[in-house]
mmCIF file of all heavy atoms, coordinates in Angstrom:
data_MODEL
# 
_entry.id   MODEL 
# 
loop_
_atom_site.group_PDB 
_atom_site.id 
_atom_site.type_symbol 
_atom_site.label_atom_id 
_atom_site.label_alt_id 
_atom_site.label_comp_id 
_atom_site.label_asym_id 
_atom_site.label_entity_id 
_atom_site.label_seq_id 
_atom_site.pdbx_PDB_ins_code 
_atom_site.Cartn_x 
_atom_site.Cartn_y 
_atom_site.Cartn_z 
_atom_site.occupancy 
_atom_site.B_iso_or_equiv 
_atom_site.pdbx_formal_charge 
_atom_site.auth_seq_id 
_atom_site.auth_comp_id 
_atom_site.auth_asym_id 
_atom_site.auth_atom_id 
_atom_site.pdbx_PDB_model_num 
ATOM 1   N N   . THR A 1 1  ? 24.909 0.838  12.951  1.00 0.00 ? 1  THR A N   1 
ATOM 2   C CA  . THR A 1 1  ? 26.236 0.309  12.667  1.00 0.00 ? 1  THR A CA  1 
ATOM 3   C C   . THR A 1 1  ? 26.162 -0.784 11.608  1.00 0.00 ? 1  THR A C   1 
ATOM 4   O O   . THR A 1 1  ? 25.417 -1.748 11.752  1.00 0.00 ? 1  THR A O   1 
ATOM 5   C CB  . THR A 1 1  ? 26.873 -0.253 13.952  1.00 0.00 ? 1  THR A CB  1 
ATOM 6   O OG1 . THR A 1 1  ? 27.078 0.818  14.883  1.00 0.00 ? 1  THR A OG1 1 
ATOM 7   C CG2 . THR A 1 1  ? 28.203 -0.934 13.653  1.00 0.00 ? 1  THR A CG2 1 
ATOM 8   N N   . ALA A 1 2  ? 26.920 -0.597 10.532  1.00 0.00 ? 2  ALA A N   1 
ATOM 9   C CA  . ALA A 1 2  ? 26.902 -1.538 9.406   1.00 0.00 ? 2  ALA A CA  1 
ATOM 10  C C   . ALA A 1 2  ? 27.912 -1.069 8.361   1.00 0.00 ? 2  ALA A C   1 
ATOM 11  O O   . ALA A 1 2  ? 28.452 0.037  8.448   1.00 0.00 ? 2  ALA A O   1 
ATOM 12  C CB  . ALA A 1 2  ? 25.516 -1.596 8.777   1.00 0.00 ? 2  ALA A CB  1 
ATOM 13  N N   . VAL A 1 3  ? 28.140 -1.931 7.385   1.00 0.00 ? 3  VAL A N   1 
ATOM 14  C CA  . VAL A 1 3  ? 28.826 -1.501 6.167   1.00 0.00 ? 3  VAL A CA  1 
ATOM 15  C C   . VAL A 1 3  ? 27.751 -0.970 5.227   1.00 0.00 ? 3  VAL A C   1 
ATOM 16  O O   . VAL A 1 3  ? 26.754 -1.648 4.971   1.00 0.00 ? 3  VAL A O   1 
ATOM 17  C CB  . VAL A 1 3  ? 29.597 -2.653 5.507   1.00 0.00 ? 3  VAL A CB  1 
ATOM 18  C CG1 . VAL A 1 3  ? 30.250 -2.176 4.216   1.00 0.00 ? 3  VAL A CG1 1 
ATOM 19  C CG2 . VAL A 1 3  ? 30.650 -3.204 6.468   1.00 0.00 ? 3  VAL A CG2 1 
ATOM 20  N N   . TYR A 1 4  ? 27.979 0.244  4.733   1.00 0.00 ? 4  TYR A N   1 
ATOM 21  C CA  . TYR A 1 4  ? 27.022 0.887  3.840   1.00 0.00 ? 4  TYR A CA  1 
ATOM 22  C C   . TYR A 1 4  ? 27.524 0.818  2.398   1.00 0.00 ? 4  TYR A C   1 
ATOM 23  O O   . TYR A 1 4  ? 28.685 1.119  2.118   1.00 0.00 ? 4  TYR A O   1 
ATOM 24  C CB  . TYR A 1 4  ? 26.817 2.336  4.264   1.00 0.00 ? 4  TYR A CB  1 
ATOM 25  C CG  . TYR A 1 4  ? 25.934 2.478  5.476   1.00 0.00 ? 4  TYR A CG  1 
ATOM 26  C CD1 . TYR A 1 4  ? 26.377 2.088  6.740   1.00 0.00 ? 4  TYR A CD1 1 
ATOM 27  C CD2 . TYR A 1 4  ? 24.632 2.963  5.364   1.00 0.00 ? 4  TYR A CD2 1 
ATOM 28  C CE1 . TYR A 1 4  ? 25.561 2.189  7.849   1.00 0.00 ? 4  TYR A CE1 1 
ATOM 29  C CE2 . TYR A 1 4  ? 23.812 3.073  6.470   1.00 0.00 ? 4  TYR A CE2 1 
ATOM 30  C CZ  . TYR A 1 4  ? 24.278 2.682  7.704   1.00 0.00 ? 4  TYR A CZ  1 
ATOM 31  O OH  . TYR A 1 4  ? 23.447 2.782  8.804   1.00 0.00 ? 4  TYR A OH  1 
ATOM 32  N N   . TYR A 1 5  ? 26.608 0.433  1.520   1.00 0.00 ? 5  TYR A N   1 
ATOM 33  C CA  . TYR A 1 5  ? 26.926 0.268  0.118   1.00 0.00 ? 5  TYR A CA  1 
ATOM 34  C C   . TYR A 1 5  ? 26.068 1.183  -0.742  1.00 0.00 ? 5  TYR A C   1 
ATOM 35  O O   . TYR A 1 5  ? 24.860 1.318  -0.505  1.00 0.00 ? 5  TYR A O   1 
ATOM 36  C CB  . TYR A 1 5  ? 26.677 -1.167 -0.335  1.00 0.00 ? 5  TYR A CB  1 
ATOM 37  C CG  . TYR A 1 5  ? 27.508 -2.205 0.366   1.00 0.00 ? 5  TYR A CG  1 
ATOM 38  C CD1 . TYR A 1 5  ? 27.045 -2.823 1.529   1.00 0.00 ? 5  TYR A CD1 1 
ATOM 39  C CD2 . TYR A 1 5  ? 28.747 -2.589 -0.137  1.00 0.00 ? 5  TYR A CD2 1 
ATOM 40  C CE1 . TYR A 1 5  ? 27.800 -3.785 2.179   1.00 0.00 ? 5  TYR A CE1 1 
ATOM 41  C CE2 . TYR A 1 5  ? 29.509 -3.561 0.500   1.00 0.00 ? 5  TYR A CE2 1 
ATOM 42  C CZ  . TYR A 1 5  ? 29.026 -4.147 1.657   1.00 0.00 ? 5  TYR A CZ  1 
ATOM 43  O OH  . TYR A 1 5  ? 29.775 -5.102 2.291   1.00 0.00 ? 5  TYR A OH  1 
ATOM 44  N N   . CYS A 1 6  ? 26.686 1.746  -1.754  1.00 0.00 ? 6  CYS A N   1 
ATOM 45  C CA  . CYS A 1 6  ? 25.985 2.489  -2.780  1.00 0.00 ? 6  CYS A CA  1 
ATOM 46  C C   . CYS A 1 6  ? 25.811 1.572  -3.987  1.00 0.00 ? 6  CYS A C   1 
ATOM 47  O O   . CYS A 1 6  ? 26.712 0.762  -4.300  1.00 0.00 ? 6  CYS A O   1 
ATOM 48  C CB  . CYS A 1 6  ? 26.834 3.709  -3.140  1.00 0.00 ? 6  CYS A CB  1 
ATOM 49  S SG  . CYS A 1 6  ? 26.293 4.624  -4.567  1.00 0.00 ? 6  CYS A SG  1 
ATOM 50  N N   . ALA A 1 7  ? 24.673 1.689  -4.666  1.00 0.00 ? 7  ALA A N   1 
ATOM 51  C CA  . ALA A 1 7  ? 24.423 0.856  -5.829  1.00 0.00 ? 7  ALA A CA  1 
ATOM 52  C C   . ALA A 1 7  ? 23.622 1.632  -6.862  1.00 0.00 ? 7  ALA A C   1 
ATOM 53  O O   . ALA A 1 7  ? 22.869 2.554  -6.513  1.00 0.00 ? 7  ALA A O   1 
ATOM 54  C CB  . ALA A 1 7  ? 23.663 -0.410 -5.421  1.00 0.00 ? 7  ALA A CB  1 
ATOM 55  N N   . ALA A 1 8  ? 23.781 1.240  -8.128  1.00 0.00 ? 8  ALA A N   1 
ATOM 56  C CA  . ALA A 1 8  ? 23.113 1.919  -9.231  1.00 0.00 ? 8  ALA A CA  1 
ATOM 57  C C   . ALA A 1 8  ? 22.346 0.933  -10.086 1.00 0.00 ? 8  ALA A C   1 
ATOM 58  O O   . ALA A 1 8  ? 22.809 -0.195 -10.329 1.00 0.00 ? 8  ALA A O   1 
ATOM 59  C CB  . ALA A 1 8  ? 24.140 2.666  -10.085 1.00 0.00 ? 8  ALA A CB  1 
ATOM 60  N N   . SER A 1 9  ? 21.186 1.381  -10.557 1.00 0.00 ? 9  SER A N   1 
ATOM 61  C CA  . SER A 1 9  ? 20.330 0.559  -11.407 1.00 0.00 ? 9  SER A CA  1 
ATOM 62  C C   . SER A 1 9  ? 19.825 1.421  -12.547 1.00 0.00 ? 9  SER A C   1 
ATOM 63  O O   . SER A 1 9  ? 19.291 2.512  -12.308 1.00 0.00 ? 9  SER A O   1 
ATOM 64  C CB  . SER A 1 9  ? 19.154 0.021  -10.582 1.00 0.00 ? 9  SER A CB  1 
ATOM 65  O OG  . SER A 1 9  ? 18.219 -0.622 -11.406 1.00 0.00 ? 9  SER A OG  1 
ATOM 66  N N   . LEU A 1 10 ? 19.994 0.930  -13.763 1.00 0.00 ? 10 LEU A N   1 
ATOM 67  C CA  . LEU A 1 10 ? 19.506 1.672  -14.921 1.00 0.00 ? 10 LEU A CA  1 
ATOM 68  C C   . LEU A 1 10 ? 17.979 1.732  -14.860 1.00 0.00 ? 10 LEU A C   1 
ATOM 69  O O   . LEU A 1 10 ? 17.317 0.695  -14.834 1.00 0.00 ? 10 LEU A O   1 
ATOM 70  C CB  . LEU A 1 10 ? 19.968 0.982  -16.202 1.00 0.00 ? 10 LEU A CB  1 
ATOM 71  C CG  . LEU A 1 10 ? 19.710 1.727  -17.518 1.00 0.00 ? 10 LEU A CG  1 
ATOM 72  C CD1 . LEU A 1 10 ? 20.501 3.039  -17.550 1.00 0.00 ? 10 LEU A CD1 1 
ATOM 73  C CD2 . LEU A 1 10 ? 20.086 0.865  -18.705 1.00 0.00 ? 10 LEU A CD2 1 
ATOM 74  N N   . GLY A 1 11 ? 17.432 2.935  -14.813 1.00 0.00 ? 11 GLY A N   1 
ATOM 75  C CA  . GLY A 1 11 ? 15.990 3.058  -14.706 1.00 0.00 ? 11 GLY A CA  1 
ATOM 76  C C   . GLY A 1 11 ? 15.588 4.467  -14.330 1.00 0.00 ? 11 GLY A C   1 
ATOM 77  O O   . GLY A 1 11 ? 16.437 5.358  -14.201 1.00 0.00 ? 11 GLY A O   1 
ATOM 78  N N   . SER A 1 12 ? 14.276 4.655  -14.135 1.00 0.00 ? 12 SER A N   1 
ATOM 79  C CA  . SER A 1 12 ? 13.753 6.003  -13.920 1.00 0.00 ? 12 SER A CA  1 
ATOM 80  C C   . SER A 1 12 ? 13.310 6.283  -12.491 1.00 0.00 ? 12 SER A C   1 
ATOM 81  O O   . SER A 1 12 ? 13.506 7.382  -11.979 1.00 0.00 ? 12 SER A O   1 
ATOM 82  C CB  . SER A 1 12 ? 12.564 6.251  -14.858 1.00 0.00 ? 12 SER A CB  1 
ATOM 83  O OG  . SER A 1 12 ? 12.963 6.167  -16.211 1.00 0.00 ? 12 SER A OG  1 
ATOM 84  N N   . TYR A 1 13 ? 12.660 5.288  -11.878 1.00 0.00 ? 13 TYR A N   1 
ATOM 85  C CA  . TYR A 1 13 ? 12.026 5.553  -10.597 1.00 0.00 ? 13 TYR A CA  1 
ATOM 86  C C   . TYR A 1 13 ? 12.461 4.580  -9.517  1.00 0.00 ? 13 TYR A C   1 
ATOM 87  O O   . TYR A 1 13 ? 12.668 3.390  -9.757  1.00 0.00 ? 13 TYR A O   1 
ATOM 88  C CB  . TYR A 1 13 ? 10.506 5.485  -10.738 1.00 0.00 ? 13 TYR A CB  1 
ATOM 89  C CG  . TYR A 1 13 ? 9.946  6.551  -11.658 1.00 0.00 ? 13 TYR A CG  1 
ATOM 90  C CD1 . TYR A 1 13 ? 9.553  6.246  -12.951 1.00 0.00 ? 13 TYR A CD1 1 
ATOM 91  C CD2 . TYR A 1 13 ? 9.836  7.871  -11.225 1.00 0.00 ? 13 TYR A CD2 1 
ATOM 92  C CE1 . TYR A 1 13 ? 9.061  7.224  -13.790 1.00 0.00 ? 13 TYR A CE1 1 
ATOM 93  C CE2 . TYR A 1 13 ? 9.338  8.849  -12.054 1.00 0.00 ? 13 TYR A CE2 1 
ATOM 94  C CZ  . TYR A 1 13 ? 8.951  8.523  -13.338 1.00 0.00 ? 13 TYR A CZ  1 
ATOM 95  O OH  . TYR A 1 13 ? 8.471  9.499  -14.172 1.00 0.00 ? 13 TYR A OH  1 
ATOM 96  N N   . CYS A 1 14 ? 12.559 5.117  -8.313  1.00 0.00 ? 14 CYS A N   1 
ATOM 97  C CA  . CYS A 1 14 ? 12.764 4.307  -7.131  1.00 0.00 ? 14 CYS A CA  1 
ATOM 98  C C   . CYS A 1 14 ? 11.418 3.709  -6.763  1.00 0.00 ? 14 CYS A C   1 
ATOM 99  O O   . CYS A 1 14 ? 10.459 4.448  -6.557  1.00 0.00 ? 14 CYS A O   1 
ATOM 100 C CB  . CYS A 1 14 ? 13.287 5.202  -6.017  1.00 0.00 ? 14 CYS A CB  1 
ATOM 101 S SG  . CYS A 1 14 ? 13.617 4.385  -4.481  1.00 0.00 ? 14 CYS A SG  1 
ATOM 102 N N   . PRO A 1 15 ? 11.292 2.397  -6.691  1.00 0.00 ? 15 PRO A N   1 
ATOM 103 C CA  . PRO A 1 15 ? 9.985  1.793  -6.447  1.00 0.00 ? 15 PRO A CA  1 
ATOM 104 C C   . PRO A 1 15 ? 9.447  2.120  -5.060  1.00 0.00 ? 15 PRO A C   1 
ATOM 105 O O   . PRO A 1 15 ? 10.197 2.367  -4.125  1.00 0.00 ? 15 PRO A O   1 
ATOM 106 C CB  . PRO A 1 15 ? 10.253 0.289  -6.609  1.00 0.00 ? 15 PRO A CB  1 
ATOM 107 C CG  . PRO A 1 15 ? 11.711 0.128  -6.421  1.00 0.00 ? 15 PRO A CG  1 
ATOM 108 C CD  . PRO A 1 15 ? 12.346 1.390  -6.860  1.00 0.00 ? 15 PRO A CD  1 
ATOM 109 N N   . SER A 1 16 ? 8.130  2.078  -4.949  1.00 0.00 ? 16 SER A N   1 
ATOM 110 C CA  . SER A 1 16 ? 7.490  2.448  -3.688  1.00 0.00 ? 16 SER A CA  1 
ATOM 111 C C   . SER A 1 16 ? 7.811  1.473  -2.565  1.00 0.00 ? 16 SER A C   1 
ATOM 112 O O   . SER A 1 16 ? 7.709  1.822  -1.385  1.00 0.00 ? 16 SER A O   1 
ATOM 113 C CB  . SER A 1 16 ? 5.974  2.529  -3.874  1.00 0.00 ? 16 SER A CB  1 
ATOM 114 O OG  . SER A 1 16 ? 5.475  1.288  -4.310  1.00 0.00 ? 16 SER A OG  1 
ATOM 115 N N   . TYR A 1 17 ? 8.215  0.259  -2.943  1.00 0.00 ? 17 TYR A N   1 
ATOM 116 C CA  . TYR A 1 17 ? 8.553  -0.740 -1.921  1.00 0.00 ? 17 TYR A CA  1 
ATOM 117 C C   . TYR A 1 17 ? 10.023 -0.660 -1.518  1.00 0.00 ? 17 TYR A C   1 
ATOM 118 O O   . TYR A 1 17 ? 10.478 -1.415 -0.684  1.00 0.00 ? 17 TYR A O   1 
ATOM 119 C CB  . TYR A 1 17 ? 8.225  -2.150 -2.403  1.00 0.00 ? 17 TYR A CB  1 
ATOM 120 C CG  . TYR A 1 17 ? 8.790  -2.510 -3.759  1.00 0.00 ? 17 TYR A CG  1 
ATOM 121 C CD1 . TYR A 1 17 ? 10.124 -2.880 -3.900  1.00 0.00 ? 17 TYR A CD1 1 
ATOM 122 C CD2 . TYR A 1 17 ? 7.991  -2.467 -4.890  1.00 0.00 ? 17 TYR A CD2 1 
ATOM 123 C CE1 . TYR A 1 17 ? 10.646 -3.206 -5.138  1.00 0.00 ? 17 TYR A CE1 1 
ATOM 124 C CE2 . TYR A 1 17 ? 8.507  -2.782 -6.136  1.00 0.00 ? 17 TYR A CE2 1 
ATOM 125 C CZ  . TYR A 1 17 ? 9.837  -3.153 -6.257  1.00 0.00 ? 17 TYR A CZ  1 
ATOM 126 O OH  . TYR A 1 17 ? 10.347 -3.470 -7.475  1.00 0.00 ? 17 TYR A OH  1 
ATOM 127 N N   . GLY A 1 18 ? 10.757 0.263  -2.130  1.00 0.00 ? 18 GLY A N   1 
ATOM 128 C CA  . GLY A 1 18 ? 12.134 0.471  -1.740  1.00 0.00 ? 18 GLY A CA  1 
ATOM 129 C C   . GLY A 1 18 ? 13.119 -0.334 -2.560  1.00 0.00 ? 18 GLY A C   1 
ATOM 130 O O   . GLY A 1 18 ? 12.725 -1.073 -3.464  1.00 0.00 ? 18 GLY A O   1 
ATOM 131 N N   . PRO A 1 19 ? 14.393 -0.195 -2.267  1.00 0.00 ? 19 PRO A N   1 
ATOM 132 C CA  . PRO A 1 19 ? 15.432 -0.861 -3.060  1.00 0.00 ? 19 PRO A CA  1 
ATOM 133 C C   . PRO A 1 19 ? 15.628 -2.329 -2.645  1.00 0.00 ? 19 PRO A C   1 
ATOM 134 O O   . PRO A 1 19 ? 15.704 -2.641 -1.458  1.00 0.00 ? 19 PRO A O   1 
ATOM 135 C CB  . PRO A 1 19 ? 16.681 -0.039 -2.746  1.00 0.00 ? 19 PRO A CB  1 
ATOM 136 C CG  . PRO A 1 19 ? 16.454 0.485  -1.380  1.00 0.00 ? 19 PRO A CG  1 
ATOM 137 C CD  . PRO A 1 19 ? 14.972 0.674  -1.238  1.00 0.00 ? 19 PRO A CD  1 
ATOM 138 N N   . TYR A 1 20 ? 15.722 -3.192 -3.646  1.00 0.00 ? 20 TYR A N   1 
ATOM 139 C CA  . TYR A 1 20 ? 16.066 -4.586 -3.434  1.00 0.00 ? 20 TYR A CA  1 
ATOM 140 C C   . TYR A 1 20 ? 17.384 -4.865 -4.144  1.00 0.00 ? 20 TYR A C   1 
ATOM 141 O O   . TYR A 1 20 ? 17.603 -4.435 -5.264  1.00 0.00 ? 20 TYR A O   1 
ATOM 142 C CB  . TYR A 1 20 ? 14.978 -5.510 -3.978  1.00 0.00 ? 20 TYR A CB  1 
ATOM 143 C CG  . TYR A 1 20 ? 13.836 -5.708 -3.026  1.00 0.00 ? 20 TYR A CG  1 
ATOM 144 C CD1 . TYR A 1 20 ? 12.939 -4.676 -2.773  1.00 0.00 ? 20 TYR A CD1 1 
ATOM 145 C CD2 . TYR A 1 20 ? 13.642 -6.915 -2.355  1.00 0.00 ? 20 TYR A CD2 1 
ATOM 146 C CE1 . TYR A 1 20 ? 11.902 -4.833 -1.878  1.00 0.00 ? 20 TYR A CE1 1 
ATOM 147 C CE2 . TYR A 1 20 ? 12.594 -7.084 -1.471  1.00 0.00 ? 20 TYR A CE2 1 
ATOM 148 C CZ  . TYR A 1 20 ? 11.730 -6.049 -1.242  1.00 0.00 ? 20 TYR A CZ  1 
ATOM 149 O OH  . TYR A 1 20 ? 10.702 -6.210 -0.358  1.00 0.00 ? 20 TYR A OH  1 
ATOM 150 N N   . SER A 1 21 ? 18.253 -5.610 -3.490  1.00 0.00 ? 21 SER A N   1 
ATOM 151 C CA  . SER A 1 21 ? 19.615 -5.836 -4.004  1.00 0.00 ? 21 SER A CA  1 
ATOM 152 C C   . SER A 1 21 ? 19.622 -6.358 -5.432  1.00 0.00 ? 21 SER A C   1 
ATOM 153 O O   . SER A 1 21 ? 20.420 -5.909 -6.265  1.00 0.00 ? 21 SER A O   1 
ATOM 154 C CB  . SER A 1 21 ? 20.359 -6.823 -3.107  1.00 0.00 ? 21 SER A CB  1 
ATOM 155 O OG  . SER A 1 21 ? 20.508 -6.319 -1.803  1.00 0.00 ? 21 SER A OG  1 
ATOM 156 N N   . TYR A 1 22 ? 18.733 -7.304 -5.730  1.00 0.00 ? 22 TYR A N   1 
ATOM 157 C CA  . TYR A 1 22 ? 18.774 -7.970 -7.029  1.00 0.00 ? 22 TYR A CA  1 
ATOM 158 C C   . TYR A 1 22 ? 18.450 -7.031 -8.181  1.00 0.00 ? 22 TYR A C   1 
ATOM 159 O O   . TYR A 1 22 ? 18.715 -7.331 -9.336  1.00 0.00 ? 22 TYR A O   1 
ATOM 160 C CB  . TYR A 1 22 ? 17.834 -9.171 -7.047  1.00 0.00 ? 22 TYR A CB  1 
ATOM 161 C CG  . TYR A 1 22 ? 16.372 -8.841 -6.977  1.00 0.00 ? 22 TYR A CG  1 
ATOM 162 C CD1 . TYR A 1 22 ? 15.640 -8.533 -8.129  1.00 0.00 ? 22 TYR A CD1 1 
ATOM 163 C CD2 . TYR A 1 22 ? 15.699 -8.835 -5.757  1.00 0.00 ? 22 TYR A CD2 1 
ATOM 164 C CE1 . TYR A 1 22 ? 14.295 -8.216 -8.062  1.00 0.00 ? 22 TYR A CE1 1 
ATOM 165 C CE2 . TYR A 1 22 ? 14.354 -8.518 -5.690  1.00 0.00 ? 22 TYR A CE2 1 
ATOM 166 C CZ  . TYR A 1 22 ? 13.656 -8.219 -6.849  1.00 0.00 ? 22 TYR A CZ  1 
ATOM 167 O OH  . TYR A 1 22 ? 12.330 -7.909 -6.771  1.00 0.00 ? 22 TYR A OH  1 
ATOM 168 N N   . GLU A 1 23 ? 17.890 -5.863 -7.876  1.00 0.00 ? 23 GLU A N   1 
ATOM 169 C CA  . GLU A 1 23 ? 17.522 -4.917 -8.927  1.00 0.00 ? 23 GLU A CA  1 
ATOM 170 C C   . GLU A 1 23 ? 18.683 -4.003 -9.311  1.00 0.00 ? 23 GLU A C   1 
ATOM 171 O O   . GLU A 1 23 ? 18.568 -3.223 -10.245 1.00 0.00 ? 23 GLU A O   1 
ATOM 172 C CB  . GLU A 1 23 ? 16.333 -4.069 -8.473  1.00 0.00 ? 23 GLU A CB  1 
ATOM 173 C CG  . GLU A 1 23 ? 15.061 -4.881 -8.270  1.00 0.00 ? 23 GLU A CG  1 
ATOM 174 C CD  . GLU A 1 23 ? 13.897 -4.045 -7.786  1.00 0.00 ? 23 GLU A CD  1 
ATOM 175 O OE1 . GLU A 1 23 ? 14.159 -3.011 -7.117  1.00 0.00 ? 23 GLU A OE1 1 
ATOM 176 O OE2 . GLU A 1 23 ? 12.745 -4.419 -8.042  1.00 0.00 ? 23 GLU A OE2 1 
ATOM 177 N N   . TYR A 1 24 ? 19.792 -4.086 -8.601  1.00 0.00 ? 24 TYR A N   1 
ATOM 178 C CA  . TYR A 1 24 ? 20.900 -3.177 -8.815  1.00 0.00 ? 24 TYR A CA  1 
ATOM 179 C C   . TYR A 1 24 ? 22.070 -3.911 -9.456  1.00 0.00 ? 24 TYR A C   1 
ATOM 180 O O   . TYR A 1 24 ? 22.452 -4.992 -9.039  1.00 0.00 ? 24 TYR A O   1 
ATOM 181 C CB  . TYR A 1 24 ? 21.309 -2.519 -7.499  1.00 0.00 ? 24 TYR A CB  1 
ATOM 182 C CG  . TYR A 1 24 ? 20.284 -1.508 -7.060  1.00 0.00 ? 24 TYR A CG  1 
ATOM 183 C CD1 . TYR A 1 24 ? 19.072 -1.904 -6.519  1.00 0.00 ? 24 TYR A CD1 1 
ATOM 184 C CD2 . TYR A 1 24 ? 20.523 -0.150 -7.223  1.00 0.00 ? 24 TYR A CD2 1 
ATOM 185 C CE1 . TYR A 1 24 ? 18.113 -0.970 -6.162  1.00 0.00 ? 24 TYR A CE1 1 
ATOM 186 C CE2 . TYR A 1 24 ? 19.581 0.796  -6.853  1.00 0.00 ? 24 TYR A CE2 1 
ATOM 187 C CZ  . TYR A 1 24 ? 18.367 0.377  -6.330  1.00 0.00 ? 24 TYR A CZ  1 
ATOM 188 O OH  . TYR A 1 24 ? 17.429 1.304  -5.977  1.00 0.00 ? 24 TYR A OH  1 
ATOM 189 N N   . ASP A 1 25 ? 22.638 -3.264 -10.461 1.00 0.00 ? 25 ASP A N   1 
ATOM 190 C CA  . ASP A 1 25 ? 23.664 -3.907 -11.269 1.00 0.00 ? 25 ASP A CA  1 
ATOM 191 C C   . ASP A 1 25 ? 25.083 -3.519 -10.866 1.00 0.00 ? 25 ASP A C   1 
ATOM 192 O O   . ASP A 1 25 ? 26.023 -4.281 -11.103 1.00 0.00 ? 25 ASP A O   1 
ATOM 193 C CB  . ASP A 1 25 ? 23.469 -3.522 -12.742 1.00 0.00 ? 25 ASP A CB  1 
ATOM 194 C CG  . ASP A 1 25 ? 22.092 -3.878 -13.243 1.00 0.00 ? 25 ASP A CG  1 
ATOM 195 O OD1 . ASP A 1 25 ? 21.702 -5.056 -13.099 1.00 0.00 ? 25 ASP A OD1 1 
ATOM 196 O OD2 . ASP A 1 25 ? 21.402 -2.986 -13.756 1.00 0.00 ? 25 ASP A OD2 1 
ATOM 197 N N   . TYR A 1 26 ? 25.235 -2.334 -10.310 1.00 0.00 ? 26 TYR A N   1 
ATOM 198 C CA  . TYR A 1 26 ? 26.571 -1.815 -10.030 1.00 0.00 ? 26 TYR A CA  1 
ATOM 199 C C   . TYR A 1 26 ? 26.668 -1.448 -8.558  1.00 0.00 ? 26 TYR A C   1 
ATOM 200 O O   . TYR A 1 26 ? 25.763 -0.807 -8.007  1.00 0.00 ? 26 TYR A O   1 
ATOM 201 C CB  . TYR A 1 26 ? 26.863 -0.594 -10.911 1.00 0.00 ? 26 TYR A CB  1 
ATOM 202 C CG  . TYR A 1 26 ? 26.647 -0.859 -12.368 1.00 0.00 ? 26 TYR A CG  1 
ATOM 203 C CD1 . TYR A 1 26 ? 25.498 -0.420 -13.016 1.00 0.00 ? 26 TYR A CD1 1 
ATOM 204 C CD2 . TYR A 1 26 ? 27.577 -1.597 -13.097 1.00 0.00 ? 26 TYR A CD2 1 
ATOM 205 C CE1 . TYR A 1 26 ? 25.280 -0.696 -14.345 1.00 0.00 ? 26 TYR A CE1 1 
ATOM 206 C CE2 . TYR A 1 26 ? 27.365 -1.872 -14.438 1.00 0.00 ? 26 TYR A CE2 1 
ATOM 207 C CZ  . TYR A 1 26 ? 26.219 -1.419 -15.055 1.00 0.00 ? 26 TYR A CZ  1 
ATOM 208 O OH  . TYR A 1 26 ? 26.014 -1.705 -16.372 1.00 0.00 ? 26 TYR A OH  1 
ATOM 209 N N   . TRP A 1 27 ? 27.780 -1.852 -7.954  1.00 0.00 ? 27 TRP A N   1 
ATOM 210 C CA  . TRP A 1 27 ? 27.953 -1.710 -6.511  1.00 0.00 ? 27 TRP A CA  1 
ATOM 211 C C   . TRP A 1 27 ? 29.319 -1.115 -6.174  1.00 0.00 ? 27 TRP A C   1 
ATOM 212 O O   . TRP A 1 27 ? 30.322 -1.400 -6.840  1.00 0.00 ? 27 TRP A O   1 
ATOM 213 C CB  . TRP A 1 27 ? 27.838 -3.060 -5.829  1.00 0.00 ? 27 TRP A CB  1 
ATOM 214 C CG  . TRP A 1 27 ? 26.454 -3.625 -5.875  1.00 0.00 ? 27 TRP A CG  1 
ATOM 215 C CD1 . TRP A 1 27 ? 25.866 -4.305 -6.918  1.00 0.00 ? 27 TRP A CD1 1 
ATOM 216 C CD2 . TRP A 1 27 ? 25.481 -3.557 -4.837  1.00 0.00 ? 27 TRP A CD2 1 
ATOM 217 N NE1 . TRP A 1 27 ? 24.584 -4.639 -6.580  1.00 0.00 ? 27 TRP A NE1 1 
ATOM 218 C CE2 . TRP A 1 27 ? 24.316 -4.204 -5.316  1.00 0.00 ? 27 TRP A CE2 1 
ATOM 219 C CE3 . TRP A 1 27 ? 25.468 -2.995 -3.553  1.00 0.00 ? 27 TRP A CE3 1 
ATOM 220 C CZ2 . TRP A 1 27 ? 23.150 -4.325 -4.556  1.00 0.00 ? 27 TRP A CZ2 1 
ATOM 221 C CZ3 . TRP A 1 27 ? 24.316 -3.128 -2.789  1.00 0.00 ? 27 TRP A CZ3 1 
ATOM 222 C CH2 . TRP A 1 27 ? 23.180 -3.766 -3.290  1.00 0.00 ? 27 TRP A CH2 1 
ATOM 223 N N   . GLY A 1 28 ? 29.324 -0.327 -5.097  1.00 0.00 ? 28 GLY A N   1 
ATOM 224 C CA  . GLY A 1 28 ? 30.586 0.121  -4.550  1.00 0.00 ? 28 GLY A CA  1 
ATOM 225 C C   . GLY A 1 28 ? 31.152 -0.923 -3.600  1.00 0.00 ? 28 GLY A C   1 
ATOM 226 O O   . GLY A 1 28 ? 30.539 -1.968 -3.365  1.00 0.00 ? 28 GLY A O   1 
# 
């Protein structure tokens, strides 16, 4: 249970350590 957000970051690969908020520029 949570609010789920989609986000986009200009780039090629999803890092092995996973997504970090500060790396994403655009948010729903």
